[in-house]
């Protein structure tokens, strides 16, 4: 038996009370791997409020770290605190 989980998700930002199916304000691709999400293909306008809403949704899905590659450099975010770092991921004492 083979079971394949969908790990690629499309994140869409809707403002002004619009819902799925309407034009969106921003979009990105998220690849989920355990408690890590890798974001790529960002397009559109992400506001600070959108960013915080996204972090809440990711935390609700047990995502701990968010990785983005910007200008060829790895940038990670701690989803729970919003803390940002560069380079290697942090080591968690309970891992």
PDB file of N, CA and C in Angstrom:
ATOM      1  N   UNK A   1       0.838  -1.181   0.000  1.00  0.00           N
ATOM      2  CA  UNK A   1       0.000   0.000   0.000  1.00  0.00           C
ATOM      3  C   UNK A   1       0.882   1.243   0.000  1.00  0.00           C
ATOM      4  N   UNK A   2       0.485   2.211  -0.730  1.00  0.00           N
ATOM      5  CA  UNK A   2       1.182   3.499  -0.757  1.00  0.00           C
ATOM      6  C   UNK A   2       0.196   4.574  -0.333  1.00  0.00           C
ATOM      7  N   UNK A   3       0.645   5.402   0.592  1.00  0.00           N
ATOM      8  CA  UNK A   3      -0.163   6.545   1.013  1.00  0.00           C
ATOM      9  C   UNK A   3       0.678   7.796   0.766  1.00  0.00           C
ATOM     10  N   UNK A   4       0.156   8.740   0.033  1.00  0.00           N
ATOM     11  CA  UNK A   4       0.883   9.960  -0.293  1.00  0.00           C
ATOM     12  C   UNK A   4       0.133  11.151   0.278  1.00  0.00           C
ATOM     13  N   UNK A   5       0.803  11.894   1.132  1.00  0.00           N
ATOM     14  CA  UNK A   5       0.206  13.078   1.739  1.00  0.00           C
ATOM     15  C   UNK A   5       0.423  14.292   0.840  1.00  0.00           C
ATOM     16  N   UNK A   6      -0.565  15.148   0.705  1.00  0.00           N
ATOM     17  CA  UNK A   6      -0.347  16.394  -0.032  1.00  0.00           C
ATOM     18  C   UNK A   6       0.496  17.345   0.823  1.00  0.00           C
ATOM     19  N   UNK A   7       1.687  17.647   0.373  1.00  0.00           N
ATOM     20  CA  UNK A   7       2.563  18.502   1.174  1.00  0.00           C
ATOM     21  C   UNK A   7       2.724  19.889   0.562  1.00  0.00           C
ATOM     22  N   UNK A   8       2.232  20.085  -0.647  1.00  0.00           N
ATOM     23  CA  UNK A   8       2.331  21.398  -1.272  1.00  0.00           C
ATOM     24  C   UNK A   8       0.978  22.088  -1.153  1.00  0.00           C
ATOM     25  N   UNK A   9       0.995  23.265  -0.568  1.00  0.00           N
ATOM     26  CA  UNK A   9      -0.222  24.034  -0.339  1.00  0.00           C
ATOM     27  C   UNK A   9      -0.091  25.389  -1.019  1.00  0.00           C
ATOM     28  N   UNK A  10      -1.194  25.934  -1.474  1.00  0.00           N
ATOM     29  CA  UNK A  10      -1.211  27.279  -2.028  1.00  0.00           C
ATOM     30  C   UNK A  10      -1.841  28.205  -1.009  1.00  0.00           C
ATOM     31  N   UNK A  11      -1.107  29.240  -0.652  1.00  0.00           N
ATOM     32  CA  UNK A  11      -1.591  30.245   0.290  1.00  0.00           C
ATOM     33  C   UNK A  11      -2.104  31.426  -0.530  1.00  0.00           C
ATOM     34  N   UNK A  12      -3.344  31.793  -0.308  1.00  0.00           N
ATOM     35  CA  UNK A  12      -3.908  32.958  -0.995  1.00  0.00           C
ATOM     36  C   UNK A  12      -4.438  33.935   0.046  1.00  0.00           C
ATOM     37  N   UNK A  13      -4.171  35.212  -0.170  1.00  0.00           N
ATOM     38  CA  UNK A  13      -4.639  36.272   0.715  1.00  0.00           C
ATOM     39  C   UNK A  13      -5.806  36.976   0.028  1.00  0.00           C
ATOM     40  N   UNK A  14      -6.956  37.021   0.720  1.00  0.00           N
ATOM     41  CA  UNK A  14      -8.137  37.721   0.231  1.00  0.00           C
ATOM     42  C   UNK A  14      -8.448  38.845   1.204  1.00  0.00           C
ATOM     43  N   UNK A  15      -8.716  40.017   0.688  1.00  0.00           N
ATOM     44  CA  UNK A  15      -9.086  41.151   1.547  1.00  0.00           C
ATOM     45  C   UNK A  15     -10.462  41.670   1.141  1.00  0.00           C
ATOM     46  N   UNK A  16     -11.002  42.521   1.953  1.00  0.00           N
ATOM     47  CA  UNK A  16     -12.278  43.150   1.629  1.00  0.00           C
ATOM     48  C   UNK A  16     -13.461  42.209   1.668  1.00  0.00           C
ATOM     49  N   UNK A  17     -13.375  41.157   2.485  1.00  0.00           N
ATOM     50  CA  UNK A  17     -14.482  40.231   2.614  1.00  0.00           C
ATOM     51  C   UNK A  17     -14.609  39.233   1.470  1.00  0.00           C
ATOM     52  N   UNK A  18     -13.642  39.255   0.539  1.00  0.00           N
ATOM     53  CA  UNK A  18     -13.700  38.297  -0.571  1.00  0.00           C
ATOM     54  C   UNK A  18     -13.348  36.908  -0.072  1.00  0.00           C
ATOM     55  N   UNK A  19     -13.874  35.901  -0.774  1.00  0.00           N
ATOM     56  CA  UNK A  19     -13.660  34.510  -0.410  1.00  0.00           C
ATOM     57  C   UNK A  19     -12.987  33.764  -1.547  1.00  0.00           C
ATOM     58  N   UNK A  20     -12.634  32.495  -1.280  1.00  0.00           N
ATOM     59  CA  UNK A  20     -12.007  31.643  -2.278  1.00  0.00           C
ATOM     60  C   UNK A  20     -12.842  31.650  -3.559  1.00  0.00           C
ATOM     61  N   UNK A  21     -12.170  31.794  -4.681  1.00  0.00           N
ATOM     62  CA  UNK A  21     -12.826  31.885  -5.980  1.00  0.00           C
ATOM     63  C   UNK A  21     -12.801  33.298  -6.532  1.00  0.00           C
ATOM     64  N   UNK A  22     -12.698  34.279  -5.641  1.00  0.00           N
ATOM     65  CA  UNK A  22     -12.591  35.681  -6.051  1.00  0.00           C
ATOM     66  C   UNK A  22     -11.115  35.993  -6.328  1.00  0.00           C
ATOM     67  N   UNK A  23     -10.845  37.095  -7.003  1.00  0.00           N
ATOM     68  CA  UNK A  23      -9.438  37.483  -7.191  1.00  0.00           C
ATOM     69  C   UNK A  23      -8.750  37.660  -5.837  1.00  0.00           C
ATOM     70  N   UNK A  24      -7.496  37.224  -5.750  1.00  0.00           N
ATOM     71  CA  UNK A  24      -6.757  37.322  -4.490  1.00  0.00           C
ATOM     72  C   UNK A  24      -5.744  38.447  -4.574  1.00  0.00           C
ATOM     73  N   UNK A  25      -5.309  38.914  -3.386  1.00  0.00           N
ATOM     74  CA  UNK A  25      -4.368  40.027  -3.298  1.00  0.00           C
ATOM     75  C   UNK A  25      -2.922  39.564  -3.292  1.00  0.00           C
ATOM     76  N   UNK A  26      -2.679  38.353  -2.822  1.00  0.00           N
ATOM     77  CA  UNK A  26      -1.321  37.807  -2.759  1.00  0.00           C
ATOM     78  C   UNK A  26      -1.407  36.289  -2.781  1.00  0.00           C
ATOM     79  N   UNK A  27      -0.303  35.660  -3.205  1.00  0.00           N
ATOM     80  CA  UNK A  27      -0.259  34.205  -3.303  1.00  0.00           C
ATOM     81  C   UNK A  27       1.158  33.729  -3.036  1.00  0.00           C
ATOM     82  N   UNK A  28       1.286  32.538  -2.494  1.00  0.00           N
ATOM     83  CA  UNK A  28       2.602  31.915  -2.274  1.00  0.00           C
ATOM     84  C   UNK A  28       2.398  30.404  -2.251  1.00  0.00           C
ATOM     85  N   UNK A  29       3.467  29.683  -2.474  1.00  0.00           N
ATOM     86  CA  UNK A  29       3.454  28.233  -2.395  1.00  0.00           C
ATOM     87  C   UNK A  29       4.154  27.825  -1.103  1.00  0.00           C
ATOM     88  N   UNK A  30       3.520  26.942  -0.349  1.00  0.00           N
ATOM     89  CA  UNK A  30       4.101  26.407   0.882  1.00  0.00           C
ATOM     90  C   UNK A  30       4.319  24.911   0.711  1.00  0.00           C
ATOM     91  N   UNK A  31       5.516  24.451   1.015  1.00  0.00           N
ATOM     92  CA  UNK A  31       5.815  23.030   1.047  1.00  0.00           C
ATOM     93  C   UNK A  31       5.960  22.652   2.515  1.00  0.00           C
ATOM     94  N   UNK A  32       5.144  21.705   2.969  1.00  0.00           N
ATOM     95  CA  UNK A  32       5.126  21.315   4.373  1.00  0.00           C
ATOM     96  C   UNK A  32       5.891  20.013   4.560  1.00  0.00           C
ATOM     97  N   UNK A  33       6.765  20.005   5.552  1.00  0.00           N
ATOM     98  CA  UNK A  33       7.569  18.822   5.847  1.00  0.00           C
ATOM     99  C   UNK A  33       7.689  18.718   7.362  1.00  0.00           C
ATOM    100  N   UNK A  34       6.850  17.894   7.959  1.00  0.00           N
ATOM    101  CA  UNK A  34       6.851  17.792   9.420  1.00  0.00           C
ATOM    102  C   UNK A  34       6.432  19.111  10.037  1.00  0.00           C
ATOM    103  N   UNK A  35       7.284  19.671  10.898  1.00  0.00           N
ATOM    104  CA  UNK A  35       6.966  20.947  11.531  1.00  0.00           C
ATOM    105  C   UNK A  35       7.649  22.124  10.833  1.00  0.00           C
ATOM    106  N   UNK A  36       8.075  21.920   9.583  1.00  0.00           N
ATOM    107  CA  UNK A  36       8.743  22.942   8.783  1.00  0.00           C
ATOM    108  C   UNK A  36       7.894  23.277   7.564  1.00  0.00           C
ATOM    109  N   UNK A  37       7.759  24.557   7.270  1.00  0.00           N
ATOM    110  CA  UNK A  37       7.127  25.019   6.034  1.00  0.00           C
ATOM    111  C   UNK A  37       8.155  25.825   5.260  1.00  0.00           C
ATOM    112  N   UNK A  38       8.268  25.560   3.963  1.00  0.00           N
ATOM    113  CA  UNK A  38       9.152  26.324   3.084  1.00  0.00           C
ATOM    114  C   UNK A  38       8.268  27.127   2.150  1.00  0.00           C
ATOM    115  N   UNK A  39       8.454  28.439   2.142  1.00  0.00           N
ATOM    116  CA  UNK A  39       7.638  29.311   1.316  1.00  0.00           C
ATOM    117  C   UNK A  39       8.412  29.696   0.068  1.00  0.00           C
ATOM    118  N   UNK A  40       7.740  29.637  -1.077  1.00  0.00           N
ATOM    119  CA  UNK A  40       8.362  30.042  -2.334  1.00  0.00           C
ATOM    120  C   UNK A  40       7.301  30.690  -3.212  1.00  0.00           C
ATOM    121  N   UNK A  41       7.735  31.308  -4.270  1.00  0.00           N
ATOM    122  CA  UNK A  41       6.828  31.853  -5.260  1.00  0.00           C
ATOM    123  C   UNK A  41       5.888  32.924  -4.741  1.00  0.00           C
ATOM    124  N   UNK A  42       6.354  33.768  -3.804  1.00  0.00           N
ATOM    125  CA  UNK A  42       5.497  34.834  -3.293  1.00  0.00           C
ATOM    126  C   UNK A  42       5.218  35.848  -4.395  1.00  0.00           C
ATOM    127  N   UNK A  43       3.968  36.260  -4.495  1.00  0.00           N
ATOM    128  CA  UNK A  43       3.597  37.282  -5.462  1.00  0.00           C
ATOM    129  C   UNK A  43       2.438  38.082  -4.903  1.00  0.00           C
ATOM    130  N   UNK A  44       2.516  39.382  -5.023  1.00  0.00           N
ATOM    131  CA  UNK A  44       1.447  40.244  -4.531  1.00  0.00           C
ATOM    132  C   UNK A  44       1.884  40.999  -3.295  1.00  0.00           C
ATOM    133  N   UNK A  45       0.921  41.583  -2.632  1.00  0.00           N
ATOM    134  CA  UNK A  45       1.188  42.447  -1.484  1.00  0.00           C
ATOM    135  C   UNK A  45       0.802  41.742  -0.192  1.00  0.00           C
ATOM    136  N   UNK A  46       1.824  41.335   0.590  1.00  0.00           N
ATOM    137  CA  UNK A  46       1.601  40.739   1.910  1.00  0.00           C
ATOM    138  C   UNK A  46       1.752  41.840   2.947  1.00  0.00           C
ATOM    139  N   UNK A  47       0.688  42.132   3.668  1.00  0.00           N
ATOM    140  CA  UNK A  47       0.777  43.131   4.727  1.00  0.00           C
ATOM    141  C   UNK A  47       1.299  42.475   6.006  1.00  0.00           C
ATOM    142  N   UNK A  48       1.638  43.282   6.966  1.00  0.00           N
ATOM    143  CA  UNK A  48       2.089  42.755   8.256  1.00  0.00           C
ATOM    144  C   UNK A  48       0.978  41.932   8.914  1.00  0.00           C
ATOM    145  N   UNK A  49      -0.263  42.424   8.794  1.00  0.00           N
ATOM    146  CA  UNK A  49      -1.402  41.693   9.359  1.00  0.00           C
ATOM    147  C   UNK A  49      -1.564  40.342   8.666  1.00  0.00           C
ATOM    148  N   UNK A  50      -1.381  40.313   7.336  1.00  0.00           N
ATOM    149  CA  UNK A  50      -1.453  39.042   6.598  1.00  0.00           C
ATOM    150  C   UNK A  50      -0.394  38.077   7.114  1.00  0.00           C
ATOM    151  N   UNK A  51       0.819  38.597   7.321  1.00  0.00           N
ATOM    152  CA  UNK A  51       1.936  37.772   7.786  1.00  0.00           C
ATOM    153  C   UNK A  51       1.602  37.147   9.136  1.00  0.00           C
ATOM    154  N   UNK A  52       1.056  37.963  10.060  1.00  0.00           N
ATOM    155  CA  UNK A  52       0.695  37.449  11.384  1.00  0.00           C
ATOM    156  C   UNK A  52      -0.451  36.439  11.302  1.00  0.00           C
ATOM    157  N   UNK A  53      -1.427  36.699  10.443  1.00  0.00           N
ATOM    158  CA  UNK A  53      -2.517  35.736  10.252  1.00  0.00           C
ATOM    159  C   UNK A  53      -1.965  34.417   9.727  1.00  0.00           C
ATOM    160  N   UNK A  54      -1.037  34.481   8.772  1.00  0.00           N
ATOM    161  CA  UNK A  54      -0.428  33.275   8.216  1.00  0.00           C
ATOM    162  C   UNK A  54       0.308  32.496   9.308  1.00  0.00           C
ATOM    163  N   UNK A  55       1.042  33.200  10.174  1.00  0.00           N
ATOM    164  CA  UNK A  55       1.760  32.534  11.254  1.00  0.00           C
ATOM    165  C   UNK A  55       0.789  31.810  12.186  1.00  0.00           C
ATOM    166  N   UNK A  56      -0.361  32.413  12.475  1.00  0.00           N
ATOM    167  CA  UNK A  56      -1.363  31.773  13.337  1.00  0.00           C
ATOM    168  C   UNK A  56      -1.909  30.500  12.682  1.00  0.00           C
ATOM    169  N   UNK A  57      -2.167  30.572  11.375  1.00  0.00           N
ATOM    170  CA  UNK A  57      -2.677  29.393  10.661  1.00  0.00           C
ATOM    171  C   UNK A  57      -1.629  28.288  10.664  1.00  0.00           C
ATOM    172  N   UNK A  58      -0.369  28.647  10.404  1.00  0.00           N
ATOM    173  CA  UNK A  58       0.703  27.647  10.393  1.00  0.00           C
ATOM    174  C   UNK A  58       0.884  27.026  11.778  1.00  0.00           C
ATOM    175  N   UNK A  59       0.853  27.845  12.813  1.00  0.00           N
ATOM    176  CA  UNK A  59       0.994  27.327  14.175  1.00  0.00           C
ATOM    177  C   UNK A  59      -0.156  26.369  14.492  1.00  0.00           C
ATOM    178  N   UNK A  60      -1.352  26.669  14.000  1.00  0.00           N
ATOM    179  CA  UNK A  60      -2.498  25.791  14.196  1.00  0.00           C
ATOM    180  C   UNK A  60      -2.339  24.447  13.504  1.00  0.00           C
ATOM    181  N   UNK A  61      -1.452  24.394  12.516  1.00  0.00           N
ATOM    182  CA  UNK A  61      -1.145  23.139  11.824  1.00  0.00           C
ATOM    183  C   UNK A  61       0.145  22.507  12.345  1.00  0.00           C
ATOM    184  N   UNK A  62       0.582  22.935  13.513  1.00  0.00           N
ATOM    185  CA  UNK A  62       1.781  22.419  14.192  1.00  0.00           C
ATOM    186  C   UNK A  62       3.072  22.708  13.442  1.00  0.00           C
ATOM    187  N   UNK A  63       3.088  23.775  12.657  1.00  0.00           N
ATOM    188  CA  UNK A  63       4.320  24.204  11.986  1.00  0.00           C
ATOM    189  C   UNK A  63       5.117  25.032  12.984  1.00  0.00           C
ATOM    190  N   UNK A  64       6.387  24.727  13.108  1.00  0.00           N
ATOM    191  CA  UNK A  64       7.258  25.389  14.071  1.00  0.00           C
ATOM    192  C   UNK A  64       8.174  26.418  13.391  1.00  0.00           C
ATOM    193  N   UNK A  65       8.691  26.071  12.223  1.00  0.00           N
ATOM    194  CA  UNK A  65       9.617  26.944  11.496  1.00  0.00           C
ATOM    195  C   UNK A  65       9.110  27.216  10.091  1.00  0.00           C
ATOM    196  N   UNK A  66       9.394  28.424   9.620  1.00  0.00           N
ATOM    197  CA  UNK A  66       9.084  28.819   8.256  1.00  0.00           C
ATOM    198  C   UNK A  66      10.394  29.229   7.603  1.00  0.00           C
ATOM    199  N   UNK A  67      10.700  28.641   6.463  1.00  0.00           N
ATOM    200  CA  UNK A  67      11.932  28.934   5.736  1.00  0.00           C
ATOM    201  C   UNK A  67      11.604  29.652   4.443  1.00  0.00           C
ATOM    202  N   UNK A  68      12.305  30.743   4.209  1.00  0.00           N
ATOM    203  CA  UNK A  68      12.195  31.491   2.961  1.00  0.00           C
ATOM    204  C   UNK A  68      13.611  31.733   2.466  1.00  0.00           C
ATOM    205  N   UNK A  69      13.835  31.586   1.185  1.00  0.00           N
ATOM    206  CA  UNK A  69      15.130  31.924   0.613  1.00  0.00           C
ATOM    207  C   UNK A  69      14.972  33.259  -0.095  1.00  0.00           C
ATOM    208  N   UNK A  70      15.647  34.269   0.428  1.00  0.00           N
ATOM    209  CA  UNK A  70      15.569  35.623  -0.127  1.00  0.00           C
ATOM    210  C   UNK A  70      16.950  36.058  -0.546  1.00  0.00           C
ATOM    211  N   UNK A  71      17.062  36.467  -1.788  1.00  0.00           N
ATOM    212  CA  UNK A  71      18.332  36.926  -2.330  1.00  0.00           C
ATOM    213  C   UNK A  71      19.438  35.893  -2.121  1.00  0.00           C
ATOM    214  N   UNK A  72      19.093  34.615  -2.261  1.00  0.00           N
ATOM    215  CA  UNK A  72      20.068  33.540  -2.150  1.00  0.00           C
ATOM    216  C   UNK A  72      20.453  33.172  -0.734  1.00  0.00           C
ATOM    217  N   UNK A  73      19.803  33.766   0.257  1.00  0.00           N
ATOM    218  CA  UNK A  73      20.133  33.494   1.655  1.00  0.00           C
ATOM    219  C   UNK A  73      18.931  32.881   2.364  1.00  0.00           C
ATOM    220  N   UNK A  74      19.177  31.880   3.196  1.00  0.00           N
ATOM    221  CA  UNK A  74      18.106  31.257   3.978  1.00  0.00           C
ATOM    222  C   UNK A  74      17.702  32.180   5.121  1.00  0.00           C
ATOM    223  N   UNK A  75      16.420  32.422   5.214  1.00  0.00           N
ATOM    224  CA  UNK A  75      15.868  33.205   6.328  1.00  0.00           C
ATOM    225  C   UNK A  75      14.793  32.349   6.964  1.00  0.00           C
ATOM    226  N   UNK A  76      14.911  32.089   8.255  1.00  0.00           N
ATOM    227  CA  UNK A  76      13.912  31.280   8.952  1.00  0.00           C
ATOM    228  C   UNK A  76      13.189  32.145   9.958  1.00  0.00           C
ATOM    229  N   UNK A  77      11.953  31.753  10.204  1.00  0.00           N
ATOM    230  CA  UNK A  77      11.109  32.430  11.178  1.00  0.00           C
ATOM    231  C   UNK A  77      10.590  31.391  12.159  1.00  0.00           C
ATOM    232  N   UNK A  78      10.646  31.727  13.426  1.00  0.00           N
ATOM    233  CA  UNK A  78       9.996  30.921  14.453  1.00  0.00           C
ATOM    234  C   UNK A  78       8.523  31.306  14.384  1.00  0.00           C
ATOM    235  N   UNK A  79       7.671  30.391  13.996  1.00  0.00           N
ATOM    236  CA  UNK A  79       6.259  30.683  13.765  1.00  0.00           C
ATOM    237  C   UNK A  79       5.573  31.176  15.037  1.00  0.00           C
ATOM    238  N   UNK A  80       5.949  30.634  16.176  1.00  0.00           N
ATOM    239  CA  UNK A  80       5.294  31.005  17.434  1.00  0.00           C
ATOM    240  C   UNK A  80       5.634  32.423  17.876  1.00  0.00           C
ATOM    241  N   UNK A  81       6.887  32.833  17.689  1.00  0.00           N
ATOM    242  CA  UNK A  81       7.321  34.131  18.198  1.00  0.00           C
ATOM    243  C   UNK A  81       7.541  35.171  17.115  1.00  0.00           C
ATOM    244  N   UNK A  82       7.687  34.718  15.868  1.00  0.00           N
ATOM    245  CA  UNK A  82       7.997  35.648  14.782  1.00  0.00           C
ATOM    246  C   UNK A  82       9.469  35.995  14.712  1.00  0.00           C
ATOM    247  N   UNK A  83      10.267  35.433  15.636  1.00  0.00           N
ATOM    248  CA  UNK A  83      11.702  35.701  15.638  1.00  0.00           C
ATOM    249  C   UNK A  83      12.301  35.266  14.300  1.00  0.00           C
ATOM    250  N   UNK A  84      13.230  36.070  13.805  1.00  0.00           N
ATOM    251  CA  UNK A  84      13.831  35.785  12.508  1.00  0.00           C
ATOM    252  C   UNK A  84      15.324  35.538  12.687  1.00  0.00           C
ATOM    253  N   UNK A  85      15.848  34.631  11.892  1.00  0.00           N
ATOM    254  CA  UNK A  85      17.268  34.342  11.902  1.00  0.00           C
ATOM    255  C   UNK A  85      17.751  34.084  10.484  1.00  0.00           C
ATOM    256  N   UNK A  86      19.024  33.998  10.321  1.00  0.00           N
ATOM    257  CA  UNK A  86      19.588  33.730   9.007  1.00  0.00           C
ATOM    258  C   UNK A  86      20.546  32.563   9.107  1.00  0.00           C
ATOM    259  N   UNK A  87      20.719  31.853   7.999  1.00  0.00           N
ATOM    260  CA  UNK A  87      21.673  30.759   7.978  1.00  0.00           C
ATOM    261  C   UNK A  87      21.058  29.470   8.453  1.00  0.00           C
ATOM    262  N   UNK A  88      21.687  28.832   9.420  1.00  0.00           N
ATOM    263  CA  UNK A  88      21.241  27.515   9.893  1.00  0.00           C
ATOM    264  C   UNK A  88      20.025  27.651  10.803  1.00  0.00           C
ATOM    265  N   UNK A  89      19.233  26.585  10.847  1.00  0.00           N
ATOM    266  CA  UNK A  89      18.071  26.562  11.725  1.00  0.00           C
ATOM    267  C   UNK A  89      18.513  26.447  13.173  1.00  0.00           C
ATOM    268  N   UNK A  90      17.664  26.912  14.079  1.00  0.00           N
ATOM    269  CA  UNK A  90      17.983  26.766  15.506  1.00  0.00           C
ATOM    270  C   UNK A  90      17.856  25.324  15.932  1.00  0.00           C
ATOM    271  N   UNK A  91      18.483  24.999  17.048  1.00  0.00           N
ATOM    272  CA  UNK A  91      18.354  23.664  17.644  1.00  0.00           C
ATOM    273  C   UNK A  91      17.435  23.812  18.841  1.00  0.00           C
ATOM    274  N   UNK A  92      16.368  23.012  18.862  1.00  0.00           N
ATOM    275  CA  UNK A  92      15.409  23.075  19.950  1.00  0.00           C
ATOM    276  C   UNK A  92      15.771  22.032  20.988  1.00  0.00           C
ATOM    277  N   UNK A  93      15.743  22.391  22.272  1.00  0.00           N
ATOM    278  CA  UNK A  93      16.158  21.453  23.318  1.00  0.00           C
ATOM    279  C   UNK A  93      15.252  20.221  23.420  1.00  0.00           C
ATOM    280  N   UNK A  94      13.983  20.318  23.017  1.00  0.00           N
ATOM    281  CA  UNK A  94      13.070  19.190  23.159  1.00  0.00           C
ATOM    282  C   UNK A  94      13.020  18.317  21.892  1.00  0.00           C
ATOM    283  N   UNK A  95      13.837  18.625  20.908  1.00  0.00           N
ATOM    284  CA  UNK A  95      13.794  17.863  19.644  1.00  0.00           C
ATOM    285  C   UNK A  95      14.638  16.607  19.725  1.00  0.00           C
TER     286      UNK A  95
END
